[in-house]
Amino acid sequence: MEEGGVSKPVAVIACTVMAFLYVAILYAPTLILRLPPPASFKSFMIRRFICAVVSSVVSVIVCALILPIKSWEISYLLGVYGIRSDHIWQAVVFPISLTSLMYAGSLVLKYLSLLNSLNERWNCSGDHSFNCIKNVLQKFIDWMFSIGSNVSAWRNYFVAPLTEELVFRACMIPLLLCGGFRTYSVVFFCPIFFSLAHLNHLFEFYTQQNCSLLKAFMVVGLQVGYTVVFGWYASFLFIRTGHLIAPLVAHIFCNIMGLPVLYSRRKGIVSVTFIAGMIGFLWLLFPLTHPDMYNGRTENCRCWHRYCAWN
């Protein structure tokens, strides 16, 4: 594998600047450009979407200028950030399957809740089974349409995962790897930038939602802890697979599911399923992310392709 051409201080400084820019630019329209406050929540979120996209584009450009890139062909440049079309189904199916094991308890609880809801609302038995299925499908279609028109859903399931993975994984990890940091150091170190980018929520909770300082610290502390743990996993997926879409689909799935359900007072099977799922997750973590499953060749890689040395 080719040695990196980026110094460690430059890599760390670049990552720090990217994390700061990702947060600071959200406040630029009102604090720097002096634009009037948004008239509605929707316009507020759209303004933030634009800011997140701008910061992501700037990070991509800065990363390309710092990395020792020898070719400026589009396909080559996209490959630097893990944006590839080869082995795409593996990069989608296996990470989602692996991630779903962590949510085995949550999925079982949702399934049991769905059954109870169907039995209570539509009496799903006997001659009513067809109507039951029809109602379920209609509810699902309505839910899909509601997501399409819900600006918060766009933030949680599309804009935030895409821009965060692009900046905090696709840009930062290649810089740190080419800076000479060890693989596991990058896996555990890179999410710190990701978690620090969420500290701005402390100010928002305290000033905008009238939370006490203690409650704001507790809420943001939980968010930071969760983002660090997820960041370890997402960084692991990105380095092992060489695909940006692998941590991206895992990110979207986790945002949809929320925190994993560890237990349920009424259903002991949820706890059993959660434990079984976690055992399966740990058992399959390395086999389902083996670099050979996602890459046609794992030799003579550049410094940002650490999967070549992680077989």
C-alpha atoms as a PDB file:
ATOM      1  CA  MET A   1       0.000   0.000   0.000  1.00  0.00           C
ATOM      2  CA  GLU A   2       1.298   3.445  -0.897  1.00  0.00           C
ATOM      3  CA  GLU A   3       2.460   5.663   1.948  1.00  0.00           C
ATOM      4  CA  GLY A   4       0.530   8.821   2.736  1.00  0.00           C
ATOM      5  CA  GLY A   5       1.573  12.286   1.726  1.00  0.00           C
ATOM      6  CA  VAL A   6      -0.212  14.235   4.493  1.00  0.00           C
ATOM      7  CA  SER A   7       1.326  15.198   7.813  1.00  0.00           C
ATOM      8  CA  LYS A   8      -0.536  14.356  11.007  1.00  0.00           C
ATOM      9  CA  PRO A   9      -0.928  17.993  12.134  1.00  0.00           C
ATOM     10  CA  VAL A  10      -2.342  18.991   8.743  1.00  0.00           C
ATOM     11  CA  ALA A  11      -4.804  16.072   8.808  1.00  0.00           C
ATOM     12  CA  VAL A  12      -6.011  16.900  12.327  1.00  0.00           C
ATOM     13  CA  ILE A  13      -6.283  20.633  11.634  1.00  0.00           C
ATOM     14  CA  ALA A  14      -8.196  19.994   8.401  1.00  0.00           C
ATOM     15  CA  CYS A  15     -10.652  17.697  10.194  1.00  0.00           C
ATOM     16  CA  THR A  16     -11.123  20.235  12.979  1.00  0.00           C
ATOM     17  CA  VAL A  17     -11.825  23.010  10.488  1.00  0.00           C
ATOM     18  CA  MET A  18     -14.333  20.816   8.619  1.00  0.00           C
ATOM     19  CA  ALA A  19     -16.191  19.992  11.838  1.00  0.00           C
ATOM     20  CA  PHE A  20     -16.246  23.657  12.851  1.00  0.00           C
ATOM     21  CA  LEU A  21     -17.396  24.745   9.392  1.00  0.00           C
ATOM     22  CA  TYR A  22     -20.200  22.158   9.354  1.00  0.00           C
ATOM     23  CA  VAL A  23     -21.684  23.707  12.502  1.00  0.00           C
ATOM     24  CA  ALA A  24     -20.717  27.366  12.107  1.00  0.00           C
ATOM     25  CA  ILE A  25     -22.184  27.726   8.633  1.00  0.00           C
ATOM     26  CA  LEU A  26     -25.624  26.868  10.026  1.00  0.00           C
ATOM     27  CA  TYR A  27     -25.612  30.208  11.824  1.00  0.00           C
ATOM     28  CA  ALA A  28     -24.011  32.190   8.986  1.00  0.00           C
ATOM     29  CA  PRO A  29     -27.259  33.396   7.341  1.00  0.00           C
ATOM     30  CA  THR A  30     -28.360  35.349  10.423  1.00  0.00           C
ATOM     31  CA  LEU A  31     -25.041  36.181  12.126  1.00  0.00           C
ATOM     32  CA  ILE A  32     -22.863  36.951   9.085  1.00  0.00           C
ATOM     33  CA  LEU A  33     -25.167  37.577   6.131  1.00  0.00           C
ATOM     34  CA  ARG A  34     -27.664  39.383   8.382  1.00  0.00           C
ATOM     35  CA  LEU A  35     -30.636  37.723   6.724  1.00  0.00           C
ATOM     36  CA  PRO A  36     -33.986  38.067   8.505  1.00  0.00           C
ATOM     37  CA  PRO A  37     -35.152  35.098  10.581  1.00  0.00           C
ATOM     38  CA  PRO A  38     -37.030  32.428   8.582  1.00  0.00           C
ATOM     39  CA  ALA A  39     -40.776  32.931   8.417  1.00  0.00           C
ATOM     40  CA  SER A  40     -41.568  29.274   9.121  1.00  0.00           C
ATOM     41  CA  PHE A  41     -39.976  26.083  10.380  1.00  0.00           C
ATOM     42  CA  LYS A  42     -39.914  24.722   6.840  1.00  0.00           C
ATOM     43  CA  SER A  43     -38.005  27.713   5.482  1.00  0.00           C
ATOM     44  CA  PHE A  44     -35.683  27.490   8.493  1.00  0.00           C
ATOM     45  CA  MET A  45     -34.855  23.855   7.702  1.00  0.00           C
ATOM     46  CA  ILE A  46     -34.430  24.521   3.973  1.00  0.00           C
ATOM     47  CA  ARG A  47     -31.948  27.267   4.824  1.00  0.00           C
ATOM     48  CA  ARG A  48     -30.045  24.788   6.986  1.00  0.00           C
ATOM     49  CA  PHE A  49     -30.125  22.189   4.211  1.00  0.00           C
ATOM     50  CA  ILE A  50     -28.455  24.679   1.880  1.00  0.00           C
ATOM     51  CA  CYS A  51     -25.824  25.508   4.509  1.00  0.00           C
ATOM     52  CA  ALA A  52     -25.063  21.821   5.098  1.00  0.00           C
ATOM     53  CA  VAL A  53     -24.662  21.209   1.368  1.00  0.00           C
ATOM     54  CA  VAL A  54     -22.337  24.214   0.997  1.00  0.00           C
ATOM     55  CA  SER A  55     -20.123  23.080   3.890  1.00  0.00           C
ATOM     56  CA  SER A  56     -20.026  19.553   2.444  1.00  0.00           C
ATOM     57  CA  VAL A  57     -18.921  20.810  -0.972  1.00  0.00           C
ATOM     58  CA  VAL A  58     -16.226  22.980   0.616  1.00  0.00           C
ATOM     59  CA  SER A  59     -14.980  20.006   2.672  1.00  0.00           C
ATOM     60  CA  VAL A  60     -14.819  17.808  -0.423  1.00  0.00           C
ATOM     61  CA  ILE A  61     -12.782  20.432  -2.293  1.00  0.00           C
ATOM     62  CA  VAL A  62     -10.402  21.018   0.627  1.00  0.00           C
ATOM     63  CA  CYS A  63      -9.921  17.280   1.072  1.00  0.00           C
ATOM     64  CA  ALA A  64      -9.105  16.843  -2.627  1.00  0.00           C
ATOM     65  CA  LEU A  65      -6.525  19.642  -2.469  1.00  0.00           C
ATOM     66  CA  ILE A  66      -4.769  18.157   0.573  1.00  0.00           C
ATOM     67  CA  LEU A  67      -4.732  14.472  -0.397  1.00  0.00           C
ATOM     68  CA  PRO A  68      -1.972  13.219  -2.732  1.00  0.00           C
ATOM     69  CA  ILE A  69      -4.362  12.718  -5.658  1.00  0.00           C
ATOM     70  CA  LYS A  70      -2.624  11.958  -8.959  1.00  0.00           C
ATOM     71  CA  SER A  71      -5.626  11.826 -11.268  1.00  0.00           C
ATOM     72  CA  TRP A  72      -8.501  14.264 -11.613  1.00  0.00           C
ATOM     73  CA  GLU A  73     -10.838  11.978 -13.505  1.00  0.00           C
ATOM     74  CA  ILE A  74     -14.361  12.054 -12.082  1.00  0.00           C
ATOM     75  CA  SER A  75     -14.573   8.309 -11.410  1.00  0.00           C
ATOM     76  CA  TYR A  76     -11.200   8.365  -9.654  1.00  0.00           C
ATOM     77  CA  LEU A  77     -12.117  11.379  -7.524  1.00  0.00           C
ATOM     78  CA  LEU A  78     -15.446   9.873  -6.518  1.00  0.00           C
ATOM     79  CA  GLY A  79     -13.629   6.676  -5.564  1.00  0.00           C
ATOM     80  CA  VAL A  80     -11.482   8.647  -3.126  1.00  0.00           C
ATOM     81  CA  TYR A  81     -14.646   9.430  -1.170  1.00  0.00           C
ATOM     82  CA  GLY A  82     -16.012   5.904  -1.468  1.00  0.00           C
ATOM     83  CA  ILE A  83     -18.633   6.880  -4.048  1.00  0.00           C
ATOM     84  CA  ARG A  84     -18.571   3.835  -6.308  1.00  0.00           C
ATOM     85  CA  SER A  85     -20.928   1.768  -8.435  1.00  0.00           C
ATOM     86  CA  ASP A  86     -19.136  -1.581  -8.179  1.00  0.00           C
ATOM     87  CA  HIS A  87     -20.249  -4.096  -5.531  1.00  0.00           C
ATOM     88  CA  ILE A  88     -23.108  -1.741  -4.741  1.00  0.00           C
ATOM     89  CA  TRP A  89     -25.635  -4.357  -3.635  1.00  0.00           C
ATOM     90  CA  GLN A  90     -23.150  -5.871  -1.184  1.00  0.00           C
ATOM     91  CA  ALA A  91     -22.453  -2.413   0.248  1.00  0.00           C
ATOM     92  CA  VAL A  92     -26.188  -1.910   0.846  1.00  0.00           C
ATOM     93  CA  VAL A  93     -27.538  -5.327   1.839  1.00  0.00           C
ATOM     94  CA  PHE A  94     -24.806  -6.573   4.173  1.00  0.00           C
ATOM     95  CA  PRO A  95     -24.426  -3.395   6.295  1.00  0.00           C
ATOM     96  CA  ILE A  96     -28.219  -3.089   6.697  1.00  0.00           C
ATOM     97  CA  SER A  97     -28.475  -6.772   7.634  1.00  0.00           C
ATOM     98  CA  LEU A  98     -25.638  -6.377  10.120  1.00  0.00           C
ATOM     99  CA  THR A  99     -27.102  -3.206  11.613  1.00  0.00           C
ATOM    100  CA  SER A 100     -30.560  -4.757  11.934  1.00  0.00           C
ATOM    101  CA  LEU A 101     -29.104  -7.385  14.280  1.00  0.00           C
ATOM    102  CA  MET A 102     -28.455  -4.622  16.826  1.00  0.00           C
ATOM    103  CA  TYR A 103     -32.139  -3.749  16.547  1.00  0.00           C
ATOM    104  CA  ALA A 104     -33.453  -7.304  16.816  1.00  0.00           C
ATOM    105  CA  GLY A 105     -35.295  -6.478  20.042  1.00  0.00           C
ATOM    106  CA  SER A 106     -36.725  -3.280  18.559  1.00  0.00           C
ATOM    107  CA  LEU A 107     -37.899  -5.079  15.423  1.00  0.00           C
ATOM    108  CA  VAL A 108     -39.598  -7.821  17.435  1.00  0.00           C
ATOM    109  CA  LEU A 109     -41.317  -5.233  19.627  1.00  0.00           C
ATOM    110  CA  LYS A 110     -42.519  -3.317  16.554  1.00  0.00           C
ATOM    111  CA  TYR A 111     -43.813  -6.550  15.029  1.00  0.00           C
ATOM    112  CA  LEU A 112     -45.719  -7.509  18.175  1.00  0.00           C
ATOM    113  CA  SER A 113     -47.125  -3.985  18.491  1.00  0.00           C
ATOM    114  CA  LEU A 114     -48.235  -4.110  14.861  1.00  0.00           C
ATOM    115  CA  LEU A 115     -50.036  -7.405  15.420  1.00  0.00           C
ATOM    116  CA  ASN A 116     -51.829  -6.022  18.466  1.00  0.00           C
ATOM    117  CA  SER A 117     -52.798  -2.889  16.583  1.00  0.00           C
ATOM    118  CA  LEU A 118     -54.164  -4.889  13.660  1.00  0.00           C
ATOM    119  CA  ASN A 119     -56.185  -7.166  15.893  1.00  0.00           C
ATOM    120  CA  GLU A 120     -57.651  -4.269  17.855  1.00  0.00           C
ATOM    121  CA  ARG A 121     -58.462  -1.925  14.967  1.00  0.00           C
ATOM    122  CA  TRP A 122     -59.388  -4.149  12.081  1.00  0.00           C
ATOM    123  CA  ASN A 123     -60.111  -7.546  13.618  1.00  0.00           C
ATOM    124  CA  CYS A 124     -57.615  -9.204  11.306  1.00  0.00           C
ATOM    125  CA  SER A 125     -58.969 -12.711  11.203  1.00  0.00           C
ATOM    126  CA  GLY A 126     -61.150 -14.862   9.001  1.00  0.00           C
ATOM    127  CA  ASP A 127     -63.059 -13.064   6.250  1.00  0.00           C
ATOM    128  CA  HIS A 128     -61.536  -9.717   7.159  1.00  0.00           C
ATOM    129  CA  SER A 129     -57.945 -10.715   6.297  1.00  0.00           C
ATOM    130  CA  PHE A 130     -58.069  -9.108   2.829  1.00  0.00           C
ATOM    131  CA  ASN A 131     -59.409  -5.833   4.215  1.00  0.00           C
ATOM    132  CA  CYS A 132     -56.749  -5.969   6.902  1.00  0.00           C
ATOM    133  CA  ILE A 133     -53.939  -6.274   4.348  1.00  0.00           C
ATOM    134  CA  LYS A 134     -55.504  -3.505   2.286  1.00  0.00           C
ATOM    135  CA  ASN A 135     -55.646  -1.204   5.306  1.00  0.00           C
ATOM    136  CA  VAL A 136     -52.037  -1.969   6.228  1.00  0.00           C
ATOM    137  CA  LEU A 137     -50.858  -1.167   2.704  1.00  0.00           C
ATOM    138  CA  GLN A 138     -52.874   2.042   2.698  1.00  0.00           C
ATOM    139  CA  LYS A 139     -51.340   3.071   6.013  1.00  0.00           C
ATOM    140  CA  PHE A 140     -47.862   2.356   4.643  1.00  0.00           C
ATOM    141  CA  ILE A 141     -48.523   4.411   1.493  1.00  0.00           C
ATOM    142  CA  ASP A 142     -49.860   7.290   3.587  1.00  0.00           C
ATOM    143  CA  TRP A 143     -46.739   7.090   5.760  1.00  0.00           C
ATOM    144  CA  MET A 144     -44.469   7.245   2.698  1.00  0.00           C
ATOM    145  CA  PHE A 145     -46.310  10.294   1.362  1.00  0.00           C
ATOM    146  CA  SER A 146     -46.118  11.984   4.760  1.00  0.00           C
ATOM    147  CA  ILE A 147     -42.343  11.512   4.766  1.00  0.00           C
ATOM    148  CA  GLY A 148     -42.100  13.108   1.336  1.00  0.00           C
ATOM    149  CA  SER A 149     -43.791  16.273   2.603  1.00  0.00           C
ATOM    150  CA  ASN A 150     -42.239  16.316   6.084  1.00  0.00           C
ATOM    151  CA  VAL A 151     -39.191  18.571   6.271  1.00  0.00           C
ATOM    152  CA  SER A 152     -38.037  16.939   9.525  1.00  0.00           C
ATOM    153  CA  ALA A 153     -38.074  13.547   7.820  1.00  0.00           C
ATOM    154  CA  TRP A 154     -35.951  14.945   4.999  1.00  0.00           C
ATOM    155  CA  ARG A 155     -33.467  16.182   7.588  1.00  0.00           C
ATOM    156  CA  ASN A 156     -33.311  12.925   9.564  1.00  0.00           C
ATOM    157  CA  TYR A 157     -33.404  10.441   6.701  1.00  0.00           C
ATOM    158  CA  PHE A 158     -31.713  12.219   3.791  1.00  0.00           C
ATOM    159  CA  VAL A 159     -29.881  15.518   4.260  1.00  0.00           C
ATOM    160  CA  ALA A 160     -28.257  14.931   7.654  1.00  0.00           C
ATOM    161  CA  PRO A 161     -27.052  11.361   6.966  1.00  0.00           C
ATOM    162  CA  LEU A 162     -25.738  12.238   3.501  1.00  0.00           C
ATOM    163  CA  THR A 163     -23.868  15.410   4.462  1.00  0.00           C
ATOM    164  CA  GLU A 164     -22.582  14.002   7.757  1.00  0.00           C
ATOM    165  CA  GLU A 165     -21.246  10.825   6.179  1.00  0.00           C
ATOM    166  CA  LEU A 166     -19.704  12.804   3.333  1.00  0.00           C
ATOM    167  CA  VAL A 167     -17.874  15.191   5.665  1.00  0.00           C
ATOM    168  CA  PHE A 168     -17.133  13.090   8.744  1.00  0.00           C
ATOM    169  CA  ARG A 169     -16.389   9.813   6.997  1.00  0.00           C
ATOM    170  CA  ALA A 170     -15.599  10.323   3.300  1.00  0.00           C
ATOM    171  CA  CYS A 171     -13.463  13.450   3.830  1.00  0.00           C
ATOM    172  CA  MET A 172     -11.959  13.034   7.284  1.00  0.00           C
ATOM    173  CA  ILE A 173     -11.039   9.350   7.260  1.00  0.00           C
ATOM    174  CA  PRO A 174      -8.894   9.523   4.075  1.00  0.00           C
ATOM    175  CA  LEU A 175      -7.072  12.538   5.542  1.00  0.00           C
ATOM    176  CA  LEU A 176      -6.344  10.758   8.817  1.00  0.00           C
ATOM    177  CA  LEU A 177      -5.301   7.539   7.085  1.00  0.00           C
ATOM    178  CA  CYS A 178      -2.977   9.373   4.715  1.00  0.00           C
ATOM    179  CA  GLY A 179      -1.697  11.299   7.717  1.00  0.00           C
ATOM    180  CA  GLY A 180      -0.211   8.062   9.006  1.00  0.00           C
ATOM    181  CA  PHE A 181      -2.653   7.273  11.796  1.00  0.00           C
ATOM    182  CA  ARG A 182      -3.216   3.594  12.545  1.00  0.00           C
ATOM    183  CA  THR A 183      -6.459   2.040  11.370  1.00  0.00           C
ATOM    184  CA  TYR A 184      -8.010   1.485  14.791  1.00  0.00           C
ATOM    185  CA  SER A 185      -6.843   4.926  15.910  1.00  0.00           C
ATOM    186  CA  VAL A 186      -8.834   6.432  13.038  1.00  0.00           C
ATOM    187  CA  VAL A 187     -11.882   4.283  13.836  1.00  0.00           C
ATOM    188  CA  PHE A 188     -11.940   5.514  17.434  1.00  0.00           C
ATOM    189  CA  PHE A 189     -10.531   9.016  16.907  1.00  0.00           C
ATOM    190  CA  CYS A 190     -12.529  10.264  13.914  1.00  0.00           C
ATOM    191  CA  PRO A 191     -15.967  10.084  15.642  1.00  0.00           C
ATOM    192  CA  ILE A 192     -14.748  12.672  18.155  1.00  0.00           C
ATOM    193  CA  PHE A 193     -15.074  15.304  15.430  1.00  0.00           C
ATOM    194  CA  PHE A 194     -18.534  13.917  14.637  1.00  0.00           C
ATOM    195  CA  SER A 195     -19.677  14.157  18.258  1.00  0.00           C
ATOM    196  CA  LEU A 196     -18.220  17.632  18.826  1.00  0.00           C
ATOM    197  CA  ALA A 197     -20.284  18.855  15.880  1.00  0.00           C
ATOM    198  CA  HIS A 198     -23.381  18.102  17.969  1.00  0.00           C
ATOM    199  CA  LEU A 199     -22.365  20.332  20.883  1.00  0.00           C
ATOM    200  CA  ASN A 200     -24.171  23.245  19.264  1.00  0.00           C
ATOM    201  CA  HIS A 201     -27.391  21.533  20.384  1.00  0.00           C
ATOM    202  CA  LEU A 202     -26.422  22.439  23.958  1.00  0.00           C
ATOM    203  CA  PHE A 203     -26.803  26.126  23.149  1.00  0.00           C
ATOM    204  CA  GLU A 204     -30.045  25.499  21.227  1.00  0.00           C
ATOM    205  CA  PHE A 205     -31.639  23.447  24.016  1.00  0.00           C
ATOM    206  CA  TYR A 206     -30.652  25.973  26.663  1.00  0.00           C
ATOM    207  CA  THR A 207     -31.671  29.155  24.828  1.00  0.00           C
ATOM    208  CA  GLN A 208     -34.457  28.153  22.447  1.00  0.00           C
ATOM    209  CA  GLN A 209     -36.290  25.389  24.327  1.00  0.00           C
ATOM    210  CA  ASN A 210     -35.984  26.906  27.821  1.00  0.00           C
ATOM    211  CA  CYS A 211     -34.313  23.795  29.244  1.00  0.00           C
ATOM    212  CA  SER A 212     -32.316  23.981  32.441  1.00  0.00           C
ATOM    213  CA  LEU A 213     -28.566  23.797  31.989  1.00  0.00           C
ATOM    214  CA  LEU A 214     -28.452  20.396  33.719  1.00  0.00           C
ATOM    215  CA  LYS A 215     -31.173  18.942  31.490  1.00  0.00           C
ATOM    216  CA  ALA A 216     -29.499  20.383  28.392  1.00  0.00           C
ATOM    217  CA  PHE A 217     -26.204  18.769  29.413  1.00  0.00           C
ATOM    218  CA  MET A 218     -27.931  15.413  29.988  1.00  0.00           C
ATOM    219  CA  VAL A 219     -29.741  15.447  26.638  1.00  0.00           C
ATOM    220  CA  VAL A 220     -26.706  16.570  24.663  1.00  0.00           C
ATOM    221  CA  GLY A 221     -24.471  14.186  26.621  1.00  0.00           C
ATOM    222  CA  LEU A 222     -26.672  11.287  25.533  1.00  0.00           C
ATOM    223  CA  GLN A 223     -26.558  12.510  21.930  1.00  0.00           C
ATOM    224  CA  VAL A 224     -22.777  12.871  22.006  1.00  0.00           C
ATOM    225  CA  GLY A 225     -22.333   9.416  23.526  1.00  0.00           C
ATOM    226  CA  TYR A 226     -24.615   7.849  20.936  1.00  0.00           C
ATOM    227  CA  THR A 227     -22.893   9.637  18.046  1.00  0.00           C
ATOM    228  CA  VAL A 228     -19.482   8.462  19.276  1.00  0.00           C
ATOM    229  CA  VAL A 229     -20.592   4.819  19.413  1.00  0.00           C
ATOM    230  CA  PHE A 230     -22.300   5.041  16.031  1.00  0.00           C
ATOM    231  CA  GLY A 231     -19.268   6.885  14.652  1.00  0.00           C
ATOM    232  CA  TRP A 232     -17.038   3.964  15.584  1.00  0.00           C
ATOM    233  CA  TYR A 233     -19.305   1.618  13.690  1.00  0.00           C
ATOM    234  CA  ALA A 234     -19.701   3.910  10.665  1.00  0.00           C
ATOM    235  CA  SER A 235     -15.947   4.511  10.449  1.00  0.00           C
ATOM    236  CA  PHE A 236     -15.373   0.768  10.666  1.00  0.00           C
ATOM    237  CA  LEU A 237     -17.812   0.164   7.804  1.00  0.00           C
ATOM    238  CA  PHE A 238     -16.283   2.863   5.613  1.00  0.00           C
ATOM    239  CA  ILE A 239     -12.708   1.651   6.035  1.00  0.00           C
ATOM    240  CA  ARG A 240     -13.530  -2.054   5.733  1.00  0.00           C
ATOM    241  CA  THR A 241     -15.742  -1.750   2.658  1.00  0.00           C
ATOM    242  CA  GLY A 242     -14.310   1.293   0.892  1.00  0.00           C
ATOM    243  CA  HIS A 243     -17.908   2.316   0.135  1.00  0.00           C
ATOM    244  CA  LEU A 244     -19.572   5.492   1.404  1.00  0.00           C
ATOM    245  CA  ILE A 245     -23.003   3.967   0.944  1.00  0.00           C
ATOM    246  CA  ALA A 246     -22.256   1.317   3.599  1.00  0.00           C
ATOM    247  CA  PRO A 247     -22.193   3.733   6.571  1.00  0.00           C
ATOM    248  CA  LEU A 248     -24.824   5.889   4.851  1.00  0.00           C
ATOM    249  CA  VAL A 249     -27.506   3.178   4.782  1.00  0.00           C
ATOM    250  CA  ALA A 250     -26.588   2.202   8.346  1.00  0.00           C
ATOM    251  CA  HIS A 251     -26.969   5.849   9.381  1.00  0.00           C
ATOM    252  CA  ILE A 252     -30.398   6.161   7.771  1.00  0.00           C
ATOM    253  CA  PHE A 253     -31.550   2.869   9.295  1.00  0.00           C
ATOM    254  CA  CYS A 254     -30.421   3.949  12.782  1.00  0.00           C
ATOM    255  CA  ASN A 255     -32.188   7.299  12.411  1.00  0.00           C
ATOM    256  CA  ILE A 256     -35.395   5.498  11.480  1.00  0.00           C
ATOM    257  CA  MET A 257     -35.161   3.040  14.377  1.00  0.00           C
ATOM    258  CA  GLY A 258     -33.845   5.365  17.089  1.00  0.00           C
ATOM    259  CA  LEU A 259     -32.132   3.910  20.145  1.00  0.00           C
ATOM    260  CA  PRO A 260     -32.233   0.079  20.359  1.00  0.00           C
ATOM    261  CA  VAL A 261     -34.853  -1.337  22.720  1.00  0.00           C
ATOM    262  CA  LEU A 262     -33.032  -3.332  25.397  1.00  0.00           C
ATOM    263  CA  TYR A 263     -36.063  -4.670  27.232  1.00  0.00           C
ATOM    264  CA  SER A 264     -39.827  -4.436  27.528  1.00  0.00           C
ATOM    265  CA  ARG A 265     -41.748  -4.857  30.770  1.00  0.00           C
ATOM    266  CA  ARG A 266     -44.497  -6.941  29.183  1.00  0.00           C
ATOM    267  CA  LYS A 267     -42.496  -8.910  26.638  1.00  0.00           C
ATOM    268  CA  GLY A 268     -39.430 -10.787  27.880  1.00  0.00           C
ATOM    269  CA  ILE A 269     -38.816 -12.041  24.358  1.00  0.00           C
ATOM    270  CA  VAL A 270     -37.620  -8.544  23.432  1.00  0.00           C
ATOM    271  CA  SER A 271     -34.654  -8.773  25.819  1.00  0.00           C
ATOM    272  CA  VAL A 272     -33.830 -12.295  24.665  1.00  0.00           C
ATOM    273  CA  THR A 273     -33.982 -11.223  21.034  1.00  0.00           C
ATOM    274  CA  PHE A 274     -31.808  -8.172  21.722  1.00  0.00           C
ATOM    275  CA  ILE A 275     -29.116 -10.323  23.354  1.00  0.00           C
ATOM    276  CA  ALA A 276     -29.275 -12.869  20.528  1.00  0.00           C
ATOM    277  CA  GLY A 277     -29.057 -10.060  17.981  1.00  0.00           C
ATOM    278  CA  MET A 278     -26.007  -8.515  19.652  1.00  0.00           C
ATOM    279  CA  ILE A 279     -24.272 -11.900  19.771  1.00  0.00           C
ATOM    280  CA  GLY A 280     -25.020 -12.365  16.072  1.00  0.00           C
ATOM    281  CA  PHE A 281     -23.796  -8.835  15.332  1.00  0.00           C
ATOM    282  CA  LEU A 282     -20.450  -9.380  17.059  1.00  0.00           C
ATOM    283  CA  TRP A 283     -20.065 -12.815  15.481  1.00  0.00           C
ATOM    284  CA  LEU A 284     -20.719 -11.555  11.934  1.00  0.00           C
ATOM    285  CA  LEU A 285     -19.099  -8.105  12.230  1.00  0.00           C
ATOM    286  CA  PHE A 286     -15.828  -9.038  10.535  1.00  0.00           C
ATOM    287  CA  PRO A 287     -17.078 -11.785   8.155  1.00  0.00           C
ATOM    288  CA  LEU A 288     -19.832  -9.568   6.680  1.00  0.00           C
ATOM    289  CA  THR A 289     -17.434  -6.645   6.204  1.00  0.00           C
ATOM    290  CA  HIS A 290     -14.506  -8.520   4.687  1.00  0.00           C
ATOM    291  CA  PRO A 291     -12.852  -6.228   2.104  1.00  0.00           C
ATOM    292  CA  ASP A 292     -12.818  -8.955  -0.562  1.00  0.00           C
ATOM    293  CA  MET A 293     -16.629  -8.895  -0.608  1.00  0.00           C
ATOM    294  CA  TYR A 294     -16.711  -5.220  -1.610  1.00  0.00           C
ATOM    295  CA  ASN A 295     -13.630  -4.746  -3.765  1.00  0.00           C
ATOM    296  CA  GLY A 296     -12.345  -6.366  -6.937  1.00  0.00           C
ATOM    297  CA  ARG A 297      -8.742  -5.851  -5.911  1.00  0.00           C
ATOM    298  CA  THR A 298      -7.139  -5.370  -2.519  1.00  0.00           C
ATOM    299  CA  GLU A 299      -3.527  -4.719  -3.456  1.00  0.00           C
ATOM    300  CA  ASN A 300      -1.528  -1.662  -4.545  1.00  0.00           C
ATOM    301  CA  CYS A 301      -4.034   0.708  -2.963  1.00  0.00           C
ATOM    302  CA  ARG A 302      -3.536   4.379  -2.194  1.00  0.00           C
ATOM    303  CA  CYS A 303      -3.074   5.623   1.357  1.00  0.00           C
ATOM    304  CA  TRP A 304      -6.801   6.286   1.862  1.00  0.00           C
ATOM    305  CA  HIS A 305      -7.754   2.703   0.961  1.00  0.00           C
ATOM    306  CA  ARG A 306      -6.822   1.007   4.220  1.00  0.00           C
ATOM    307  CA  TYR A 307      -9.014  -2.021   3.468  1.00  0.00           C
ATOM    308  CA  CYS A 308      -6.078  -3.390   1.450  1.00  0.00           C
ATOM    309  CA  ALA A 309      -4.143  -3.887   4.675  1.00  0.00           C
ATOM    310  CA  TRP A 310      -7.152  -4.990   6.739  1.00  0.00           C
ATOM    311  CA  ASN A 311      -7.907  -8.461   5.372  1.00  0.00           C
END
